[in-house]
Amino acid sequence: MATAKFTLDKKGVGLLLKSDGMRAAMRERAERIAARARAIAPVGDAASDPHPGEYRDSITVADTTTGGARGDRAAASATAAAPHARLVEYQPDRNGQAHHTMYRAAVETGPA
């Protein structure tokens, strides 16, 4: 029986991690997270909230080929950029619950 041999081409793997295909896959995942986050984002009542929907509408997606710890791979992110995004994400509401919108969206969309 023949023996198979595999030699890892590190440069080739590096090119793969920075490829347009990998960038597209990362962006697609970030788009799914952003869509779910927009769907579950809290939106205040326009009668009493000075910025209803601002948090939801501030959710954006960005991608790059200079991501990773060494800036050598494709990456994408979904971000809520509203000035009060941190409060929406972490501060407990009247019921004592923090929304954790972005976290929940990432978990609920699954790993792939």
PDB file of N, CA and C in Angstrom:
ATOM      1  N   MET A   1       0.844  -1.175   0.000  1.00  0.00           N
ATOM      2  CA  MET A   1       0.000   0.000   0.000  1.00  0.00           C
ATOM      3  C   MET A   1       0.889   1.237   0.000  1.00  0.00           C
ATOM      4  N   ALA A   2       0.522   2.219  -0.806  1.00  0.00           N
ATOM      5  CA  ALA A   2       1.300   3.456  -0.917  1.00  0.00           C
ATOM      6  C   ALA A   2       1.068   4.337   0.301  1.00  0.00           C
ATOM      7  N   THR A   3       2.082   5.107   0.636  1.00  0.00           N
ATOM      8  CA  THR A   3       1.992   6.042   1.760  1.00  0.00           C
ATOM      9  C   THR A   3       1.825   7.449   1.212  1.00  0.00           C
ATOM     10  N   ALA A   4       0.869   8.165   1.766  1.00  0.00           N
ATOM     11  CA  ALA A   4       0.646   9.545   1.338  1.00  0.00           C
ATOM     12  C   ALA A   4       1.516  10.469   2.180  1.00  0.00           C
ATOM     13  N   LYS A   5       1.964  11.544   1.570  1.00  0.00           N
ATOM     14  CA  LYS A   5       2.772  12.522   2.285  1.00  0.00           C
ATOM     15  C   LYS A   5       2.202  13.904   2.007  1.00  0.00           C
ATOM     16  N   PHE A   6       2.135  14.702   3.030  1.00  0.00           N
ATOM     17  CA  PHE A   6       1.605  16.059   2.901  1.00  0.00           C
ATOM     18  C   PHE A   6       2.629  17.038   3.450  1.00  0.00           C
ATOM     19  N   THR A   7       2.903  18.061   2.688  1.00  0.00           N
ATOM     20  CA  THR A   7       3.798  19.121   3.136  1.00  0.00           C
ATOM     21  C   THR A   7       3.017  20.429   3.103  1.00  0.00           C
ATOM     22  N   LEU A   8       2.898  21.052   4.239  1.00  0.00           N
ATOM     23  CA  LEU A   8       2.161  22.305   4.346  1.00  0.00           C
ATOM     24  C   LEU A   8       2.948  23.438   3.700  1.00  0.00           C
ATOM     25  N   ASP A   9       2.291  24.163   2.838  1.00  0.00           N
ATOM     26  CA  ASP A   9       2.892  25.324   2.202  1.00  0.00           C
ATOM     27  C   ASP A   9       2.403  26.549   2.976  1.00  0.00           C
ATOM     28  N   LYS A  10       3.199  27.040   3.902  1.00  0.00           N
ATOM     29  CA  LYS A  10       2.790  28.153   4.762  1.00  0.00           C
ATOM     30  C   LYS A  10       2.468  29.410   3.963  1.00  0.00           C
ATOM     31  N   LYS A  11       3.226  29.652   2.927  1.00  0.00           N
ATOM     32  CA  LYS A  11       2.958  30.822   2.103  1.00  0.00           C
ATOM     33  C   LYS A  11       1.602  30.669   1.408  1.00  0.00           C
ATOM     34  N   GLY A  12       1.305  29.471   0.951  1.00  0.00           N
ATOM     35  CA  GLY A  12       0.017  29.204   0.306  1.00  0.00           C
ATOM     36  C   GLY A  12      -1.146  29.370   1.270  1.00  0.00           C
ATOM     37  N   VAL A  13      -0.991  28.898   2.490  1.00  0.00           N
ATOM     38  CA  VAL A  13      -2.033  29.076   3.507  1.00  0.00           C
ATOM     39  C   VAL A  13      -2.215  30.560   3.798  1.00  0.00           C
ATOM     40  N   GLY A  14      -1.123  31.293   3.870  1.00  0.00           N
ATOM     41  CA  GLY A  14      -1.202  32.732   4.096  1.00  0.00           C
ATOM     42  C   GLY A  14      -1.968  33.434   2.987  1.00  0.00           C
ATOM     43  N   LEU A  15      -1.712  33.034   1.749  1.00  0.00           N
ATOM     44  CA  LEU A  15      -2.442  33.607   0.614  1.00  0.00           C
ATOM     45  C   LEU A  15      -3.925  33.248   0.684  1.00  0.00           C
ATOM     46  N   LEU A  16      -4.219  32.032   1.096  1.00  0.00           N
ATOM     47  CA  LEU A  16      -5.610  31.610   1.245  1.00  0.00           C
ATOM     48  C   LEU A  16      -6.333  32.450   2.300  1.00  0.00           C
ATOM     49  N   LEU A  17      -5.675  32.681   3.434  1.00  0.00           N
ATOM     50  CA  LEU A  17      -6.295  33.439   4.521  1.00  0.00           C
ATOM     51  C   LEU A  17      -6.525  34.906   4.159  1.00  0.00           C
ATOM     52  N   LYS A  18      -5.847  35.389   3.133  1.00  0.00           N
ATOM     53  CA  LYS A  18      -5.990  36.779   2.712  1.00  0.00           C
ATOM     54  C   LYS A  18      -6.759  36.891   1.390  1.00  0.00           C
ATOM     55  N   SER A  19      -7.235  35.799   0.870  1.00  0.00           N
ATOM     56  CA  SER A  19      -7.863  35.760  -0.452  1.00  0.00           C
ATOM     57  C   SER A  19      -9.227  36.461  -0.483  1.00  0.00           C
ATOM     58  N   ASP A  20      -9.656  36.787  -1.697  1.00  0.00           N
ATOM     59  CA  ASP A  20     -10.975  37.393  -1.883  1.00  0.00           C
ATOM     60  C   ASP A  20     -12.078  36.452  -1.421  1.00  0.00           C
ATOM     61  N   GLY A  21     -11.897  35.168  -1.630  1.00  0.00           N
ATOM     62  CA  GLY A  21     -12.887  34.190  -1.188  1.00  0.00           C
ATOM     63  C   GLY A  21     -13.041  34.179   0.327  1.00  0.00           C
ATOM     64  N   MET A  22     -11.923  34.240   1.038  1.00  0.00           N
ATOM     65  CA  MET A  22     -11.975  34.272   2.493  1.00  0.00           C
ATOM     66  C   MET A  22     -12.592  35.584   2.962  1.00  0.00           C
ATOM     67  N   ARG A  23     -12.237  36.666   2.306  1.00  0.00           N
ATOM     68  CA  ARG A  23     -12.810  37.976   2.651  1.00  0.00           C
ATOM     69  C   ARG A  23     -14.327  37.953   2.463  1.00  0.00           C
ATOM     70  N   ALA A  24     -14.789  37.367   1.375  1.00  0.00           N
ATOM     71  CA  ALA A  24     -16.227  37.265   1.109  1.00  0.00           C
ATOM     72  C   ALA A  24     -16.923  36.409   2.163  1.00  0.00           C
ATOM     73  N   ALA A  25     -16.282  35.325   2.566  1.00  0.00           N
ATOM     74  CA  ALA A  25     -16.870  34.460   3.594  1.00  0.00           C
ATOM     75  C   ALA A  25     -16.965  35.188   4.936  1.00  0.00           C
ATOM     76  N   MET A  26     -15.932  35.924   5.284  1.00  0.00           N
ATOM     77  CA  MET A  26     -15.961  36.690   6.529  1.00  0.00           C
ATOM     78  C   MET A  26     -17.039  37.773   6.480  1.00  0.00           C
ATOM     79  N   ARG A  27     -17.157  38.434   5.346  1.00  0.00           N
ATOM     80  CA  ARG A  27     -18.167  39.490   5.192  1.00  0.00           C
ATOM     81  C   ARG A  27     -19.580  38.904   5.271  1.00  0.00           C
ATOM     82  N   GLU A  28     -19.787  37.755   4.643  1.00  0.00           N
ATOM     83  CA  GLU A  28     -21.110  37.120   4.672  1.00  0.00           C
ATOM     84  C   GLU A  28     -21.521  36.811   6.113  1.00  0.00           C
ATOM     85  N   ARG A  29     -20.593  36.323   6.889  1.00  0.00           N
ATOM     86  CA  ARG A  29     -20.876  36.020   8.307  1.00  0.00           C
ATOM     87  C   ARG A  29     -21.205  37.302   9.064  1.00  0.00           C
ATOM     88  N   ALA A  30     -20.434  38.354   8.838  1.00  0.00           N
ATOM     89  CA  ALA A  30     -20.687  39.634   9.511  1.00  0.00           C
ATOM     90  C   ALA A  30     -22.032  40.214   9.084  1.00  0.00           C
ATOM     91  N   GLU A  31     -22.404  40.046   7.816  1.00  0.00           N
ATOM     92  CA  GLU A  31     -23.701  40.532   7.328  1.00  0.00           C
ATOM     93  C   GLU A  31     -24.849  39.802   8.024  1.00  0.00           C
ATOM     94  N   ARG A  32     -24.697  38.490   8.231  1.00  0.00           N
ATOM     95  CA  ARG A  32     -25.736  37.728   8.942  1.00  0.00           C
ATOM     96  C   ARG A  32     -25.864  38.199  10.387  1.00  0.00           C
ATOM     97  N   ILE A  33     -24.735  38.456  11.027  1.00  0.00           N
ATOM     98  CA  ILE A  33     -24.763  38.954  12.403  1.00  0.00           C
ATOM     99  C   ILE A  33     -25.430  40.326  12.446  1.00  0.00           C
ATOM    100  N   ALA A  34     -25.060  41.204  11.530  1.00  0.00           N
ATOM    101  CA  ALA A  34     -25.642  42.549  11.498  1.00  0.00           C
ATOM    102  C   ALA A  34     -27.147  42.505  11.255  1.00  0.00           C
ATOM    103  N   ALA A  35     -27.584  41.642  10.343  1.00  0.00           N
ATOM    104  CA  ALA A  35     -29.018  41.536  10.057  1.00  0.00           C
ATOM    105  C   ALA A  35     -29.776  41.059  11.291  1.00  0.00           C
ATOM    106  N   ARG A  36     -29.222  40.073  11.989  1.00  0.00           N
ATOM    107  CA  ARG A  36     -29.883  39.577  13.204  1.00  0.00           C
ATOM    108  C   ARG A  36     -29.872  40.651  14.285  1.00  0.00           C
ATOM    109  N   ALA A  37     -28.779  41.364  14.431  1.00  0.00           N
ATOM    110  CA  ALA A  37     -28.688  42.428  15.431  1.00  0.00           C
ATOM    111  C   ALA A  37     -29.729  43.517  15.159  1.00  0.00           C
ATOM    112  N   ARG A  38     -29.887  43.877  13.900  1.00  0.00           N
ATOM    113  CA  ARG A  38     -30.900  44.889  13.553  1.00  0.00           C
ATOM    114  C   ARG A  38     -32.300  44.392  13.891  1.00  0.00           C
ATOM    115  N   ALA A  39     -32.527  43.095  13.684  1.00  0.00           N
ATOM    116  CA  ALA A  39     -33.849  42.521  13.948  1.00  0.00           C
ATOM    117  C   ALA A  39     -34.190  42.503  15.438  1.00  0.00           C
ATOM    118  N   ILE A  40     -33.189  42.335  16.296  1.00  0.00           N
ATOM    119  CA  ILE A  40     -33.465  42.229  17.739  1.00  0.00           C
ATOM    120  C   ILE A  40     -33.079  43.488  18.510  1.00  0.00           C
ATOM    121  N   ALA A  41     -32.581  44.497  17.827  1.00  0.00           N
ATOM    122  CA  ALA A  41     -32.165  45.733  18.501  1.00  0.00           C
ATOM    123  C   ALA A  41     -33.370  46.428  19.134  1.00  0.00           C
ATOM    124  N   PRO A  42     -33.195  46.938  20.347  1.00  0.00           N
ATOM    125  CA  PRO A  42     -34.295  47.674  20.971  1.00  0.00           C
ATOM    126  C   PRO A  42     -34.510  49.014  20.265  1.00  0.00           C
ATOM    127  N   VAL A  43     -35.751  49.345  20.048  1.00  0.00           N
ATOM    128  CA  VAL A  43     -36.114  50.620  19.435  1.00  0.00           C
ATOM    129  C   VAL A  43     -37.110  51.299  20.358  1.00  0.00           C
ATOM    130  N   GLY A  44     -36.728  52.458  20.840  1.00  0.00           N
ATOM    131  CA  GLY A  44     -37.593  53.173  21.770  1.00  0.00           C
ATOM    132  C   GLY A  44     -38.816  53.781  21.102  1.00  0.00           C
ATOM    133  N   ASP A  45     -39.761  54.178  21.932  1.00  0.00           N
ATOM    134  CA  ASP A  45     -40.976  54.843  21.464  1.00  0.00           C
ATOM    135  C   ASP A  45     -40.630  56.277  21.087  1.00  0.00           C
ATOM    136  N   ALA A  46     -41.015  56.685  19.888  1.00  0.00           N
ATOM    137  CA  ALA A  46     -40.689  58.021  19.393  1.00  0.00           C
ATOM    138  C   ALA A  46     -41.258  59.124  20.284  1.00  0.00           C
ATOM    139  N   ALA A  47     -42.312  58.828  21.037  1.00  0.00           N
ATOM    140  CA  ALA A  47     -42.919  59.826  21.914  1.00  0.00           C
ATOM    141  C   ALA A  47     -42.044  60.147  23.119  1.00  0.00           C
ATOM    142  N   SER A  48     -41.237  59.184  23.543  1.00  0.00           N
ATOM    143  CA  SER A  48     -40.431  59.411  24.745  1.00  0.00           C
ATOM    144  C   SER A  48     -38.929  59.228  24.548  1.00  0.00           C
ATOM    145  N   ASP A  49     -38.526  58.652  23.436  1.00  0.00           N
ATOM    146  CA  ASP A  49     -37.108  58.391  23.177  1.00  0.00           C
ATOM    147  C   ASP A  49     -36.567  59.452  22.215  1.00  0.00           C
ATOM    148  N   PRO A  50     -35.533  60.182  22.609  1.00  0.00           N
ATOM    149  CA  PRO A  50     -34.999  61.225  21.732  1.00  0.00           C
ATOM    150  C   PRO A  50     -34.286  60.676  20.489  1.00  0.00           C
ATOM    151  N   HIS A  51     -33.965  59.395  20.476  1.00  0.00           N
ATOM    152  CA  HIS A  51     -33.276  58.803  19.328  1.00  0.00           C
ATOM    153  C   HIS A  51     -33.782  57.386  19.047  1.00  0.00           C
ATOM    154  N   PRO A  52     -35.077  57.244  18.720  1.00  0.00           N
ATOM    155  CA  PRO A  52     -35.608  55.899  18.460  1.00  0.00           C
ATOM    156  C   PRO A  52     -34.996  55.298  17.187  1.00  0.00           C
ATOM    157  N   GLY A  53     -34.497  54.090  17.301  1.00  0.00           N
ATOM    158  CA  GLY A  53     -33.919  53.402  16.148  1.00  0.00           C
ATOM    159  C   GLY A  53     -32.499  53.795  15.802  1.00  0.00           C
ATOM    160  N   GLU A  54     -31.922  54.756  16.507  1.00  0.00           N
ATOM    161  CA  GLU A  54     -30.561  55.200  16.174  1.00  0.00           C
ATOM    162  C   GLU A  54     -29.551  54.069  16.353  1.00  0.00           C
ATOM    163  N   TYR A  55     -29.689  53.311  17.442  1.00  0.00           N
ATOM    164  CA  TYR A  55     -28.787  52.184  17.679  1.00  0.00           C
ATOM    165  C   TYR A  55     -28.910  51.169  16.539  1.00  0.00           C
ATOM    166  N   ARG A  56     -30.118  50.749  16.243  1.00  0.00           N
ATOM    167  CA  ARG A  56     -30.359  49.769  15.174  1.00  0.00           C
ATOM    168  C   ARG A  56     -29.792  50.259  13.847  1.00  0.00           C
ATOM    169  N   ASP A  57     -30.058  51.514  13.524  1.00  0.00           N
ATOM    170  CA  ASP A  57     -29.625  52.070  12.244  1.00  0.00           C
ATOM    171  C   ASP A  57     -28.114  52.314  12.163  1.00  0.00           C
ATOM    172  N   SER A  58     -27.424  52.264  13.299  1.00  0.00           N
ATOM    173  CA  SER A  58     -25.976  52.494  13.301  1.00  0.00           C
ATOM    174  C   SER A  58     -25.173  51.215  13.090  1.00  0.00           C
ATOM    175  N   ILE A  59     -25.843  50.081  12.977  1.00  0.00           N
ATOM    176  CA  ILE A  59     -25.142  48.804  12.815  1.00  0.00           C
ATOM    177  C   ILE A  59     -24.628  48.689  11.383  1.00  0.00           C
ATOM    178  N   THR A  60     -23.313  48.548  11.248  1.00  0.00           N
ATOM    179  CA  THR A  60     -22.673  48.481   9.937  1.00  0.00           C
ATOM    180  C   THR A  60     -21.736  47.281   9.860  1.00  0.00           C
ATOM    181  N   VAL A  61     -21.328  46.970   8.637  1.00  0.00           N
ATOM    182  CA  VAL A  61     -20.389  45.864   8.388  1.00  0.00           C
ATOM    183  C   VAL A  61     -19.194  46.416   7.625  1.00  0.00           C
ATOM    184  N   ALA A  62     -18.015  45.970   8.003  1.00  0.00           N
ATOM    185  CA  ALA A  62     -16.785  46.353   7.302  1.00  0.00           C
ATOM    186  C   ALA A  62     -15.934  45.105   7.114  1.00  0.00           C
ATOM    187  N   ASP A  63     -15.159  45.082   6.036  1.00  0.00           N
ATOM    188  CA  ASP A  63     -14.241  43.962   5.825  1.00  0.00           C
ATOM    189  C   ASP A  63     -12.882  44.492   5.386  1.00  0.00           C
ATOM    190  N   THR A  64     -11.881  43.638   5.526  1.00  0.00           N
ATOM    191  CA  THR A  64     -10.511  44.037   5.217  1.00  0.00           C
ATOM    192  C   THR A  64      -9.662  42.809   4.898  1.00  0.00           C
ATOM    193  N   THR A  65      -8.524  43.033   4.282  1.00  0.00           N
ATOM    194  CA  THR A  65      -7.545  41.953   4.109  1.00  0.00           C
ATOM    195  C   THR A  65      -6.333  42.198   5.003  1.00  0.00           C
ATOM    196  N   THR A  66      -6.453  43.129   5.914  1.00  0.00           N
ATOM    197  CA  THR A  66      -5.361  43.399   6.851  1.00  0.00           C
ATOM    198  C   THR A  66      -5.813  43.128   8.281  1.00  0.00           C
ATOM    199  N   GLY A  67      -6.616  42.101   8.465  1.00  0.00           N
ATOM    200  CA  GLY A  67      -7.103  41.740   9.791  1.00  0.00           C
ATOM    201  C   GLY A  67      -6.173  40.772  10.485  1.00  0.00           C
ATOM    202  N   GLY A  68      -6.604  40.312  11.629  1.00  0.00           N
ATOM    203  CA  GLY A  68      -5.803  39.385  12.412  1.00  0.00           C
ATOM    204  C   GLY A  68      -4.760  40.106  13.233  1.00  0.00           C
ATOM    205  N   ALA A  69      -4.142  39.384  14.136  1.00  0.00           N
ATOM    206  CA  ALA A  69      -3.150  39.960  15.050  1.00  0.00           C
ATOM    207  C   ALA A  69      -1.956  40.553  14.310  1.00  0.00           C
ATOM    208  N   ARG A  70      -1.595  39.956  13.175  1.00  0.00           N
ATOM    209  CA  ARG A  70      -0.441  40.455  12.420  1.00  0.00           C
ATOM    210  C   ARG A  70      -0.837  41.210  11.157  1.00  0.00           C
ATOM    211  N   GLY A  71      -2.136  41.459  10.987  1.00  0.00           N
ATOM    212  CA  GLY A  71      -2.582  42.208   9.813  1.00  0.00           C
ATOM    213  C   GLY A  71      -2.374  41.472   8.509  1.00  0.00           C
ATOM    214  N   ASP A  72      -2.455  40.145   8.559  1.00  0.00           N
ATOM    215  CA  ASP A  72      -2.128  39.363   7.373  1.00  0.00           C
ATOM    216  C   ASP A  72      -3.238  38.425   6.920  1.00  0.00           C
ATOM    217  N   ARG A  73      -4.492  38.746   7.275  1.00  0.00           N
ATOM    218  CA  ARG A  73      -5.582  37.871   6.856  1.00  0.00           C
ATOM    219  C   ARG A  73      -6.879  38.634   6.669  1.00  0.00           C
ATOM    220  N   ALA A  74      -7.820  38.002   5.993  1.00  0.00           N
ATOM    221  CA  ALA A  74      -9.128  38.604   5.771  1.00  0.00           C
ATOM    222  C   ALA A  74      -9.909  38.610   7.081  1.00  0.00           C
ATOM    223  N   ALA A  75     -10.701  39.650   7.266  1.00  0.00           N
ATOM    224  CA  ALA A  75     -11.534  39.767   8.457  1.00  0.00           C
ATOM    225  C   ALA A  75     -12.723  40.656   8.137  1.00  0.00           C
ATOM    226  N   ALA A  76     -13.770  40.518   8.924  1.00  0.00           N
ATOM    227  CA  ALA A  76     -14.937  41.384   8.790  1.00  0.00           C
ATOM    228  C   ALA A  76     -15.521  41.583  10.174  1.00  0.00           C
ATOM    229  N   SER A  77     -16.241  42.686  10.336  1.00  0.00           N
ATOM    230  CA  SER A  77     -16.852  42.969  11.637  1.00  0.00           C
ATOM    231  C   SER A  77     -18.213  43.604  11.449  1.00  0.00           C
ATOM    232  N   ALA A  78     -19.075  43.355  12.407  1.00  0.00           N
ATOM    233  CA  ALA A  78     -20.366  44.032  12.502  1.00  0.00           C
ATOM    234  C   ALA A  78     -20.275  44.908  13.743  1.00  0.00           C
ATOM    235  N   THR A  79     -20.599  46.187  13.585  1.00  0.00           N
ATOM    236  CA  THR A  79     -20.401  47.152  14.661  1.00  0.00           C
ATOM    237  C   THR A  79     -21.622  48.037  14.823  1.00  0.00           C
ATOM    238  N   ALA A  80     -21.974  48.313  16.071  1.00  0.00           N
ATOM    239  CA  ALA A  80     -22.998  49.314  16.375  1.00  0.00           C
ATOM    240  C   ALA A  80     -22.252  50.582  16.777  1.00  0.00           C
ATOM    241  N   ALA A  81     -22.385  51.633  15.988  1.00  0.00           N
ATOM    242  CA  ALA A  81     -21.588  52.839  16.192  1.00  0.00           C
ATOM    243  C   ALA A  81     -22.334  53.991  16.859  1.00  0.00           C
ATOM    244  N   ALA A  82     -23.564  53.783  17.262  1.00  0.00           N
ATOM    245  CA  ALA A  82     -24.310  54.857  17.928  1.00  0.00           C
ATOM    246  C   ALA A  82     -23.559  55.282  19.188  1.00  0.00           C
ATOM    247  N   PRO A  83     -23.619  56.552  19.545  1.00  0.00           N
ATOM    248  CA  PRO A  83     -22.902  57.021  20.735  1.00  0.00           C
ATOM    249  C   PRO A  83     -23.294  56.277  22.017  1.00  0.00           C
ATOM    250  N   HIS A  84     -24.496  55.790  22.069  1.00  0.00           N
ATOM    251  CA  HIS A  84     -24.974  55.098  23.267  1.00  0.00           C
ATOM    252  C   HIS A  84     -24.954  53.566  23.121  1.00  0.00           C
ATOM    253  N   ALA A  85     -24.231  53.049  22.130  1.00  0.00           N
ATOM    254  CA  ALA A  85     -24.204  51.607  21.867  1.00  0.00           C
ATOM    255  C   ALA A  85     -23.729  50.806  23.077  1.00  0.00           C
ATOM    256  N   ARG A  86     -22.729  51.289  23.765  1.00  0.00           N
ATOM    257  CA  ARG A  86     -22.221  50.568  24.938  1.00  0.00           C
ATOM    258  C   ARG A  86     -23.300  50.440  26.008  1.00  0.00           C
ATOM    259  N   LEU A  87     -24.079  51.495  26.174  1.00  0.00           N
ATOM    260  CA  LEU A  87     -25.158  51.458  27.169  1.00  0.00           C
ATOM    261  C   LEU A  87     -26.231  50.457  26.762  1.00  0.00           C
ATOM    262  N   VAL A  88     -26.591  50.453  25.484  1.00  0.00           N
ATOM    263  CA  VAL A  88     -27.596  49.502  25.005  1.00  0.00           C
ATOM    264  C   VAL A  88     -27.094  48.077  25.209  1.00  0.00           C
ATOM    265  N   GLU A  89     -25.836  47.851  24.917  1.00  0.00           N
ATOM    266  CA  GLU A  89     -25.278  46.502  25.004  1.00  0.00           C
ATOM    267  C   GLU A  89     -25.157  46.009  26.451  1.00  0.00           C
ATOM    268  N   TYR A  90     -24.689  46.858  27.356  1.00  0.00           N
ATOM    269  CA  TYR A  90     -24.314  46.383  28.695  1.00  0.00           C
ATOM    270  C   TYR A  90     -25.148  46.904  29.860  1.00  0.00           C
ATOM    271  N   GLN A  91     -25.756  48.075  29.736  1.00  0.00           N
ATOM    272  CA  GLN A  91     -26.459  48.634  30.891  1.00  0.00           C
ATOM    273  C   GLN A  91     -27.834  47.985  31.060  1.00  0.00           C
ATOM    274  N   PRO A  92     -28.158  47.537  32.275  1.00  0.00           N
ATOM    275  CA  PRO A  92     -29.478  46.935  32.513  1.00  0.00           C
ATOM    276  C   PRO A  92     -30.598  47.944  32.256  1.00  0.00           C
ATOM    277  N   ASP A  93     -31.684  47.457  31.662  1.00  0.00           N
ATOM    278  CA  ASP A  93     -32.842  48.306  31.406  1.00  0.00           C
ATOM    279  C   ASP A  93     -33.733  48.362  32.654  1.00  0.00           C
ATOM    280  N   ARG A  94     -34.956  48.865  32.497  1.00  0.00           N
ATOM    281  CA  ARG A  94     -35.876  48.976  33.645  1.00  0.00           C
ATOM    282  C   ARG A  94     -36.178  47.634  34.285  1.00  0.00           C
ATOM    283  N   ASN A  95     -36.061  46.567  33.520  1.00  0.00           N
ATOM    284  CA  ASN A  95     -36.337  45.225  34.040  1.00  0.00           C
ATOM    285  C   ASN A  95     -35.083  44.545  34.589  1.00  0.00           C
ATOM    286  N   GLY A  96     -33.971  45.268  34.598  1.00  0.00           N
ATOM    287  CA  GLY A  96     -32.731  44.720  35.128  1.00  0.00           C
ATOM    288  C   GLY A  96     -31.961  43.845  34.155  1.00  0.00           C
ATOM    289  N   GLN A  97     -32.310  43.901  32.868  1.00  0.00           N
ATOM    290  CA  GLN A  97     -31.657  43.065  31.869  1.00  0.00           C
ATOM    291  C   GLN A  97     -30.882  43.920  30.865  1.00  0.00           C
ATOM    292  N   ALA A  98     -29.640  43.556  30.629  1.00  0.00           N
ATOM    293  CA  ALA A  98     -28.864  44.203  29.560  1.00  0.00           C
ATOM    294  C   ALA A  98     -29.274  43.542  28.243  1.00  0.00           C
ATOM    295  N   HIS A  99     -29.261  44.276  27.157  1.00  0.00           N
ATOM    296  CA  HIS A  99     -29.734  43.735  25.882  1.00  0.00           C
ATOM    297  C   HIS A  99     -28.729  42.789  25.225  1.00  0.00           C
ATOM    298  N   HIS A 100     -27.444  43.074  25.306  1.00  0.00           N
ATOM    299  CA  HIS A 100     -26.402  42.234  24.674  1.00  0.00           C
ATOM    300  C   HIS A 100     -26.755  41.928  23.221  1.00  0.00           C
ATOM    301  N   THR A 101     -27.202  42.937  22.490  1.00  0.00           N
ATOM    302  CA  THR A 101     -27.698  42.758  21.126  1.00  0.00           C
ATOM    303  C   THR A 101     -26.653  42.153  20.193  1.00  0.00           C
ATOM    304  N   MET A 102     -25.473  42.720  20.135  1.00  0.00           N
ATOM    305  CA  MET A 102     -24.451  42.221  19.211  1.00  0.00           C
ATOM    306  C   MET A 102     -23.985  40.818  19.616  1.00  0.00           C
ATOM    307  N   TYR A 103     -23.806  40.601  20.903  1.00  0.00           N
ATOM    308  CA  TYR A 103     -23.398  39.278  21.389  1.00  0.00           C
ATOM    309  C   TYR A 103     -24.444  38.230  21.024  1.00  0.00           C
ATOM    310  N   ARG A 104     -25.706  38.537  21.326  1.00  0.00           N
ATOM    311  CA  ARG A 104     -26.786  37.594  21.026  1.00  0.00           C
ATOM    312  C   ARG A 104     -26.870  37.323  19.535  1.00  0.00           C
ATOM    313  N   ALA A 105     -26.703  38.342  18.725  1.00  0.00           N
ATOM    314  CA  ALA A 105     -26.768  38.160  17.266  1.00  0.00           C
ATOM    315  C   ALA A 105     -25.674  37.219  16.795  1.00  0.00           C
ATOM    316  N   ALA A 106     -24.481  37.370  17.333  1.00  0.00           N
ATOM    317  CA  ALA A 106     -23.365  36.485  16.939  1.00  0.00           C
ATOM    318  C   ALA A 106     -23.640  35.044  17.362  1.00  0.00           C
ATOM    319  N   VAL A 107     -24.157  34.851  18.561  1.00  0.00           N
ATOM    320  CA  VAL A 107     -24.451  33.507  19.054  1.00  0.00           C
ATOM    321  C   VAL A 107     -25.605  32.899  18.276  1.00  0.00           C
ATOM    322  N   GLU A 108     -26.655  33.661  18.048  1.00  0.00           N
ATOM    323  CA  GLU A 108     -27.864  33.136  17.418  1.00  0.00           C
ATOM    324  C   GLU A 108     -27.688  32.823  15.928  1.00  0.00           C
ATOM    325  N   THR A 109     -26.745  33.445  15.263  1.00  0.00           N
ATOM    326  CA  THR A 109     -26.535  33.151  13.837  1.00  0.00           C
ATOM    327  C   THR A 109     -25.690  31.906  13.637  1.00  0.00           C
ATOM    328  N   GLY A 110     -25.100  31.377  14.677  1.00  0.00           N
ATOM    329  CA  GLY A 110     -24.361  30.118  14.567  1.00  0.00           C
ATOM    330  C   GLY A 110     -22.936  30.298  14.080  1.00  0.00           C
ATOM    331  N   PRO A 111     -22.196  29.204  14.067  1.00  0.00           N
ATOM    332  CA  PRO A 111     -20.760  29.269  13.756  1.00  0.00           C
ATOM    333  C   PRO A 111     -20.412  29.419  12.296  1.00  0.00           C
ATOM    334  N   ALA A 112     -21.302  29.095  11.389  1.00  0.00           N
ATOM    335  CA  ALA A 112     -20.902  29.143   9.967  1.00  0.00           C
ATOM    336  C   ALA A 112     -21.895  29.804   9.073  1.00  0.00           C
TER     337      ALA A 112
END
